[in-house]
């Protein structure tokens, strides 16, 4: 198989420069302006997970990124080829690529970075600039949940994001998904079933 997969920090096909060769080394100070996700969730109900990061340093951040873990859980069953099962699924949206309509995940920048599992990046971040990481998800498994996140200033470990105390910005969302059946209604077309939002009559 010709160079389909490479190790992090190395290029494929005969060496060359390292992937992290051009990532500056050092600490970059950031502030997490917002980190929100509802603690009380319901099965089959959509919700938004939002993390907003601001560059409080005097130098540009090479590639602001967030790693988010906990959307999946492990089901201990030796008969399963993949023991990962979703607690939250990422919702999709249709987007035209040229003349072709395709589905795109409603996550930061539309896709997960394929080389770095559970990590999304939004590119360079200038001093005093903020970027908003947003995931549109639906709960599909009842019970308690814990989502853990961490901010990085690059994808290769050379550029490190730190808060005002010099520590890596991390956090968690803890809550519960209720097994209560969601309320629904018929949409204006007379056919489509849609969930009833909180406060809707």
C-alpha atoms as a PDB file:
ATOM      1  CA  UNK A   1       0.000   0.000   0.000  1.00  0.00           C
ATOM      2  CA  UNK A   2       1.751   3.157  -1.197  1.00  0.00           C
ATOM      3  CA  UNK A   3       1.998   5.739   1.526  1.00  0.00           C
ATOM      4  CA  UNK A   4      -1.710   5.770   2.404  1.00  0.00           C
ATOM      5  CA  UNK A   5      -0.979   6.166   6.104  1.00  0.00           C
ATOM      6  CA  UNK A   6       1.887   7.947   7.828  1.00  0.00           C
ATOM      7  CA  UNK A   7       2.928   8.409  11.414  1.00  0.00           C
ATOM      8  CA  UNK A   8       2.374  11.751  13.063  1.00  0.00           C
ATOM      9  CA  UNK A   9       5.473  13.919  12.743  1.00  0.00           C
ATOM     10  CA  UNK A  10       6.716  12.154   9.597  1.00  0.00           C
ATOM     11  CA  UNK A  11       6.040  12.546   5.931  1.00  0.00           C
ATOM     12  CA  UNK A  12       5.220   9.658   3.635  1.00  0.00           C
ATOM     13  CA  UNK A  13       7.063   8.393   0.579  1.00  0.00           C
ATOM     14  CA  UNK A  14      10.741   8.562   1.292  1.00  0.00           C
ATOM     15  CA  UNK A  15      11.335  11.030   4.081  1.00  0.00           C
ATOM     16  CA  UNK A  16      11.607  14.757   3.458  1.00  0.00           C
ATOM     17  CA  UNK A  17      10.741  17.401   6.014  1.00  0.00           C
ATOM     18  CA  UNK A  18       8.801  16.561   9.145  1.00  0.00           C
ATOM     19  CA  UNK A  19       5.148  17.570   9.395  1.00  0.00           C
ATOM     20  CA  UNK A  20       5.940  19.671  12.470  1.00  0.00           C
ATOM     21  CA  UNK A  21       9.037  21.280  10.923  1.00  0.00           C
ATOM     22  CA  UNK A  22       7.331  24.634  10.352  1.00  0.00           C
ATOM     23  CA  UNK A  23       5.297  24.782  13.575  1.00  0.00           C
ATOM     24  CA  UNK A  24       6.891  27.333  15.906  1.00  0.00           C
ATOM     25  CA  UNK A  25       7.812  26.148  19.370  1.00  0.00           C
ATOM     26  CA  UNK A  26       6.643  27.923  22.480  1.00  0.00           C
ATOM     27  CA  UNK A  27       3.709  28.882  24.658  1.00  0.00           C
ATOM     28  CA  UNK A  28       0.801  30.961  23.348  1.00  0.00           C
ATOM     29  CA  UNK A  29      -1.543  32.566  25.867  1.00  0.00           C
ATOM     30  CA  UNK A  30      -5.267  32.152  25.218  1.00  0.00           C
ATOM     31  CA  UNK A  31      -8.525  32.811  27.020  1.00  0.00           C
ATOM     32  CA  UNK A  32     -11.540  30.513  26.781  1.00  0.00           C
ATOM     33  CA  UNK A  33     -14.271  33.140  26.456  1.00  0.00           C
ATOM     34  CA  UNK A  34     -17.147  30.654  26.351  1.00  0.00           C
ATOM     35  CA  UNK A  35     -17.614  26.943  26.973  1.00  0.00           C
ATOM     36  CA  UNK A  36     -21.250  25.852  26.941  1.00  0.00           C
ATOM     37  CA  UNK A  37     -23.252  22.655  26.589  1.00  0.00           C
ATOM     38  CA  UNK A  38     -26.610  21.830  28.279  1.00  0.00           C
ATOM     39  CA  UNK A  39     -26.191  19.625  31.352  1.00  0.00           C
ATOM     40  CA  UNK A  40     -29.732  18.276  31.010  1.00  0.00           C
ATOM     41  CA  UNK A  41     -30.277  16.537  27.670  1.00  0.00           C
ATOM     42  CA  UNK A  42     -33.083  14.504  26.114  1.00  0.00           C
ATOM     43  CA  UNK A  43     -32.954  11.594  23.711  1.00  0.00           C
ATOM     44  CA  UNK A  44     -33.312  12.606  20.056  1.00  0.00           C
ATOM     45  CA  UNK A  45     -33.038  16.318  20.872  1.00  0.00           C
ATOM     46  CA  UNK A  46     -30.459  18.518  19.146  1.00  0.00           C
ATOM     47  CA  UNK A  47     -28.133  20.752  21.115  1.00  0.00           C
ATOM     48  CA  UNK A  48     -25.068  22.912  20.502  1.00  0.00           C
ATOM     49  CA  UNK A  49     -21.671  22.552  22.114  1.00  0.00           C
ATOM     50  CA  UNK A  50     -19.728  25.805  21.831  1.00  0.00           C
ATOM     51  CA  UNK A  51     -16.166  26.736  22.784  1.00  0.00           C
ATOM     52  CA  UNK A  52     -14.889  30.251  21.983  1.00  0.00           C
ATOM     53  CA  UNK A  53     -11.146  30.894  22.250  1.00  0.00           C
ATOM     54  CA  UNK A  54      -9.400  34.293  22.162  1.00  0.00           C
ATOM     55  CA  UNK A  55      -5.723  34.896  21.518  1.00  0.00           C
ATOM     56  CA  UNK A  56      -4.506  37.052  24.428  1.00  0.00           C
ATOM     57  CA  UNK A  57      -0.856  36.813  23.357  1.00  0.00           C
ATOM     58  CA  UNK A  58       1.151  39.342  21.345  1.00  0.00           C
ATOM     59  CA  UNK A  59       2.001  36.806  18.645  1.00  0.00           C
ATOM     60  CA  UNK A  60      -0.174  34.868  16.209  1.00  0.00           C
ATOM     61  CA  UNK A  61      -1.167  31.302  17.080  1.00  0.00           C
ATOM     62  CA  UNK A  62      -0.195  28.894  14.270  1.00  0.00           C
ATOM     63  CA  UNK A  63      -3.328  26.716  14.279  1.00  0.00           C
ATOM     64  CA  UNK A  64      -5.915  26.981  17.044  1.00  0.00           C
ATOM     65  CA  UNK A  65      -7.436  23.568  17.800  1.00  0.00           C
ATOM     66  CA  UNK A  66      -9.729  21.814  20.257  1.00  0.00           C
ATOM     67  CA  UNK A  67      -9.710  18.128  21.150  1.00  0.00           C
ATOM     68  CA  UNK A  68     -13.098  16.857  22.335  1.00  0.00           C
ATOM     69  CA  UNK A  69     -13.523  13.403  23.848  1.00  0.00           C
ATOM     70  CA  UNK A  70     -16.684  11.687  25.080  1.00  0.00           C
ATOM     71  CA  UNK A  71     -19.063  11.835  22.137  1.00  0.00           C
ATOM     72  CA  UNK A  72     -18.555   8.066  21.983  1.00  0.00           C
ATOM     73  CA  UNK A  73     -18.348   5.383  24.666  1.00  0.00           C
ATOM     74  CA  UNK A  74     -16.910   1.870  24.629  1.00  0.00           C
ATOM     75  CA  UNK A  75     -19.266  -1.102  24.653  1.00  0.00           C
ATOM     76  CA  UNK A  76     -17.344  -4.035  26.098  1.00  0.00           C
ATOM     77  CA  UNK A  77     -18.408  -6.750  23.686  1.00  0.00           C
ATOM     78  CA  UNK A  78     -15.690  -8.971  22.154  1.00  0.00           C
ATOM     79  CA  UNK A  79     -18.049  -9.799  19.290  1.00  0.00           C
ATOM     80  CA  UNK A  80     -17.989  -6.222  18.007  1.00  0.00           C
ATOM     81  CA  UNK A  81     -15.393  -5.238  15.444  1.00  0.00           C
ATOM     82  CA  UNK A  82     -15.606  -1.634  16.666  1.00  0.00           C
ATOM     83  CA  UNK A  83     -16.504  -1.268  20.336  1.00  0.00           C
ATOM     84  CA  UNK A  84     -17.104   2.478  20.051  1.00  0.00           C
ATOM     85  CA  UNK A  85     -20.758   3.463  20.212  1.00  0.00           C
ATOM     86  CA  UNK A  86     -22.149   7.005  20.064  1.00  0.00           C
ATOM     87  CA  UNK A  87     -23.663   8.819  23.027  1.00  0.00           C
ATOM     88  CA  UNK A  88     -24.033  11.921  20.865  1.00  0.00           C
ATOM     89  CA  UNK A  89     -24.130  11.887  17.071  1.00  0.00           C
ATOM     90  CA  UNK A  90     -22.921  14.852  15.050  1.00  0.00           C
ATOM     91  CA  UNK A  91     -25.695  16.215  12.863  1.00  0.00           C
ATOM     92  CA  UNK A  92     -25.135  16.817   9.192  1.00  0.00           C
ATOM     93  CA  UNK A  93     -26.175  19.461   6.723  1.00  0.00           C
ATOM     94  CA  UNK A  94     -26.331  19.431   2.956  1.00  0.00           C
ATOM     95  CA  UNK A  95     -23.802  21.524   1.092  1.00  0.00           C
ATOM     96  CA  UNK A  96     -23.046  21.845  -2.607  1.00  0.00           C
ATOM     97  CA  UNK A  97     -19.537  20.950  -3.731  1.00  0.00           C
ATOM     98  CA  UNK A  98     -19.534  22.237  -7.284  1.00  0.00           C
ATOM     99  CA  UNK A  99     -22.634  20.672  -8.813  1.00  0.00           C
ATOM    100  CA  UNK A 100     -22.689  17.795  -6.326  1.00  0.00           C
ATOM    101  CA  UNK A 101     -24.785  17.902  -3.133  1.00  0.00           C
ATOM    102  CA  UNK A 102     -23.153  16.172  -0.212  1.00  0.00           C
ATOM    103  CA  UNK A 103     -23.620  15.957   3.544  1.00  0.00           C
ATOM    104  CA  UNK A 104     -21.189  17.768   5.818  1.00  0.00           C
ATOM    105  CA  UNK A 105     -20.897  17.331   9.568  1.00  0.00           C
ATOM    106  CA  UNK A 106     -21.924  20.346  11.621  1.00  0.00           C
ATOM    107  CA  UNK A 107     -18.643  20.572  13.486  1.00  0.00           C
ATOM    108  CA  UNK A 108     -15.884  23.204  13.500  1.00  0.00           C
ATOM    109  CA  UNK A 109     -14.762  23.678   9.898  1.00  0.00           C
ATOM    110  CA  UNK A 110     -17.115  20.885   8.838  1.00  0.00           C
ATOM    111  CA  UNK A 111     -14.696  17.989   9.350  1.00  0.00           C
ATOM    112  CA  UNK A 112     -12.535  16.349  11.966  1.00  0.00           C
ATOM    113  CA  UNK A 113      -8.808  16.487  11.254  1.00  0.00           C
ATOM    114  CA  UNK A 114      -8.242  12.962   9.886  1.00  0.00           C
ATOM    115  CA  UNK A 115      -4.726  12.619  11.327  1.00  0.00           C
ATOM    116  CA  UNK A 116      -5.589  13.690  14.861  1.00  0.00           C
ATOM    117  CA  UNK A 117      -8.552  11.753  16.293  1.00  0.00           C
ATOM    118  CA  UNK A 118     -11.265  13.816  18.039  1.00  0.00           C
ATOM    119  CA  UNK A 119      -9.465  17.069  17.124  1.00  0.00           C
ATOM    120  CA  UNK A 120     -10.746  20.017  15.101  1.00  0.00           C
ATOM    121  CA  UNK A 121      -8.708  23.060  14.026  1.00  0.00           C
ATOM    122  CA  UNK A 122      -9.653  26.491  12.677  1.00  0.00           C
ATOM    123  CA  UNK A 123      -6.295  27.754  11.436  1.00  0.00           C
ATOM    124  CA  UNK A 124      -4.192  30.749  12.535  1.00  0.00           C
ATOM    125  CA  UNK A 125      -5.449  33.064  15.273  1.00  0.00           C
ATOM    126  CA  UNK A 126      -4.148  36.631  15.372  1.00  0.00           C
ATOM    127  CA  UNK A 127      -3.618  38.578  18.629  1.00  0.00           C
ATOM    128  CA  UNK A 128      -6.940  39.685  20.184  1.00  0.00           C
ATOM    129  CA  UNK A 129      -8.862  37.597  17.616  1.00  0.00           C
ATOM    130  CA  UNK A 130     -11.429  35.006  18.707  1.00  0.00           C
ATOM    131  CA  UNK A 131     -12.649  31.859  16.987  1.00  0.00           C
ATOM    132  CA  UNK A 132     -15.796  29.879  17.712  1.00  0.00           C
ATOM    133  CA  UNK A 133     -15.798  26.078  17.777  1.00  0.00           C
ATOM    134  CA  UNK A 134     -19.328  24.715  17.362  1.00  0.00           C
ATOM    135  CA  UNK A 135     -20.696  21.171  17.290  1.00  0.00           C
ATOM    136  CA  UNK A 136     -24.365  20.435  16.446  1.00  0.00           C
ATOM    137  CA  UNK A 137     -25.204  17.105  18.118  1.00  0.00           C
ATOM    138  CA  UNK A 138     -28.120  14.869  19.068  1.00  0.00           C
ATOM    139  CA  UNK A 139     -28.190  12.635  22.158  1.00  0.00           C
ATOM    140  CA  UNK A 140     -28.796   8.984  21.235  1.00  0.00           C
ATOM    141  CA  UNK A 141     -28.017   7.185  24.519  1.00  0.00           C
ATOM    142  CA  UNK A 142     -29.656   7.834  27.881  1.00  0.00           C
ATOM    143  CA  UNK A 143     -27.646   8.124  31.079  1.00  0.00           C
ATOM    144  CA  UNK A 144     -24.826  10.241  32.498  1.00  0.00           C
ATOM    145  CA  UNK A 145     -22.234  11.728  30.188  1.00  0.00           C
ATOM    146  CA  UNK A 146     -18.859  13.451  30.489  1.00  0.00           C
ATOM    147  CA  UNK A 147     -17.217  15.338  27.630  1.00  0.00           C
ATOM    148  CA  UNK A 148     -13.622  16.506  28.112  1.00  0.00           C
ATOM    149  CA  UNK A 149     -11.986  19.216  25.998  1.00  0.00           C
ATOM    150  CA  UNK A 150      -8.537  20.755  25.629  1.00  0.00           C
ATOM    151  CA  UNK A 151      -7.268  23.714  23.598  1.00  0.00           C
ATOM    152  CA  UNK A 152      -4.032  23.566  21.589  1.00  0.00           C
ATOM    153  CA  UNK A 153      -2.096  26.173  19.626  1.00  0.00           C
ATOM    154  CA  UNK A 154      -0.989  23.689  16.965  1.00  0.00           C
ATOM    155  CA  UNK A 155      -1.399  20.096  15.903  1.00  0.00           C
ATOM    156  CA  UNK A 156       2.122  18.777  16.408  1.00  0.00           C
ATOM    157  CA  UNK A 157       2.933  19.612  20.017  1.00  0.00           C
ATOM    158  CA  UNK A 158       5.482  22.367  19.400  1.00  0.00           C
ATOM    159  CA  UNK A 159       3.045  25.263  19.875  1.00  0.00           C
ATOM    160  CA  UNK A 160       1.329  24.998  23.246  1.00  0.00           C
ATOM    161  CA  UNK A 161      -1.777  26.898  24.355  1.00  0.00           C
ATOM    162  CA  UNK A 162      -1.663  28.139  27.958  1.00  0.00           C
ATOM    163  CA  UNK A 163      -3.962  30.208  30.149  1.00  0.00           C
ATOM    164  CA  UNK A 164      -2.969  33.185  32.305  1.00  0.00           C
ATOM    165  CA  UNK A 165      -1.612  30.743  34.922  1.00  0.00           C
ATOM    166  CA  UNK A 166       0.597  29.006  32.363  1.00  0.00           C
ATOM    167  CA  UNK A 167      -1.545  25.862  32.363  1.00  0.00           C
ATOM    168  CA  UNK A 168      -3.138  24.066  29.419  1.00  0.00           C
ATOM    169  CA  UNK A 169      -6.753  25.250  28.941  1.00  0.00           C
ATOM    170  CA  UNK A 170      -8.974  22.248  29.614  1.00  0.00           C
ATOM    171  CA  UNK A 171     -12.469  21.602  30.873  1.00  0.00           C
ATOM    172  CA  UNK A 172     -15.368  19.198  30.940  1.00  0.00           C
ATOM    173  CA  UNK A 173     -19.120  19.088  30.475  1.00  0.00           C
ATOM    174  CA  UNK A 174     -20.950  16.741  32.829  1.00  0.00           C
ATOM    175  CA  UNK A 175     -24.645  15.970  32.757  1.00  0.00           C
ATOM    176  CA  UNK A 176     -27.332  13.419  32.002  1.00  0.00           C
ATOM    177  CA  UNK A 177     -29.395  12.397  29.002  1.00  0.00           C
ATOM    178  CA  UNK A 178     -33.000  11.683  30.006  1.00  0.00           C
ATOM    179  CA  UNK A 179     -34.696   8.564  28.617  1.00  0.00           C
ATOM    180  CA  UNK A 180     -38.010  10.430  28.518  1.00  0.00           C
ATOM    181  CA  UNK A 181     -39.598  10.076  25.090  1.00  0.00           C
ATOM    182  CA  UNK A 182     -39.286  13.332  23.128  1.00  0.00           C
ATOM    183  CA  UNK A 183     -42.434  15.286  22.304  1.00  0.00           C
ATOM    184  CA  UNK A 184     -43.130  15.727  18.618  1.00  0.00           C
ATOM    185  CA  UNK A 185     -45.531  17.531  16.307  1.00  0.00           C
ATOM    186  CA  UNK A 186     -46.486  17.443  12.653  1.00  0.00           C
ATOM    187  CA  UNK A 187     -44.781  20.079  10.504  1.00  0.00           C
ATOM    188  CA  UNK A 188     -46.596  22.484   8.161  1.00  0.00           C
ATOM    189  CA  UNK A 189     -46.305  20.030   5.254  1.00  0.00           C
ATOM    190  CA  UNK A 190     -48.671  17.676   7.115  1.00  0.00           C
ATOM    191  CA  UNK A 191     -46.224  14.760   6.918  1.00  0.00           C
ATOM    192  CA  UNK A 192     -42.928  15.514   8.597  1.00  0.00           C
ATOM    193  CA  UNK A 193     -42.582  14.757  12.307  1.00  0.00           C
ATOM    194  CA  UNK A 194     -40.421  17.283  14.145  1.00  0.00           C
ATOM    195  CA  UNK A 195     -39.448  17.569  17.837  1.00  0.00           C
ATOM    196  CA  UNK A 196     -41.189  20.129  20.019  1.00  0.00           C
ATOM    197  CA  UNK A 197     -38.701  22.652  21.359  1.00  0.00           C
ATOM    198  CA  UNK A 198     -38.785  23.734  25.011  1.00  0.00           C
ATOM    199  CA  UNK A 199     -41.371  26.462  25.475  1.00  0.00           C
ATOM    200  CA  UNK A 200     -43.086  25.723  22.161  1.00  0.00           C
ATOM    201  CA  UNK A 201     -46.848  25.370  22.230  1.00  0.00           C
END
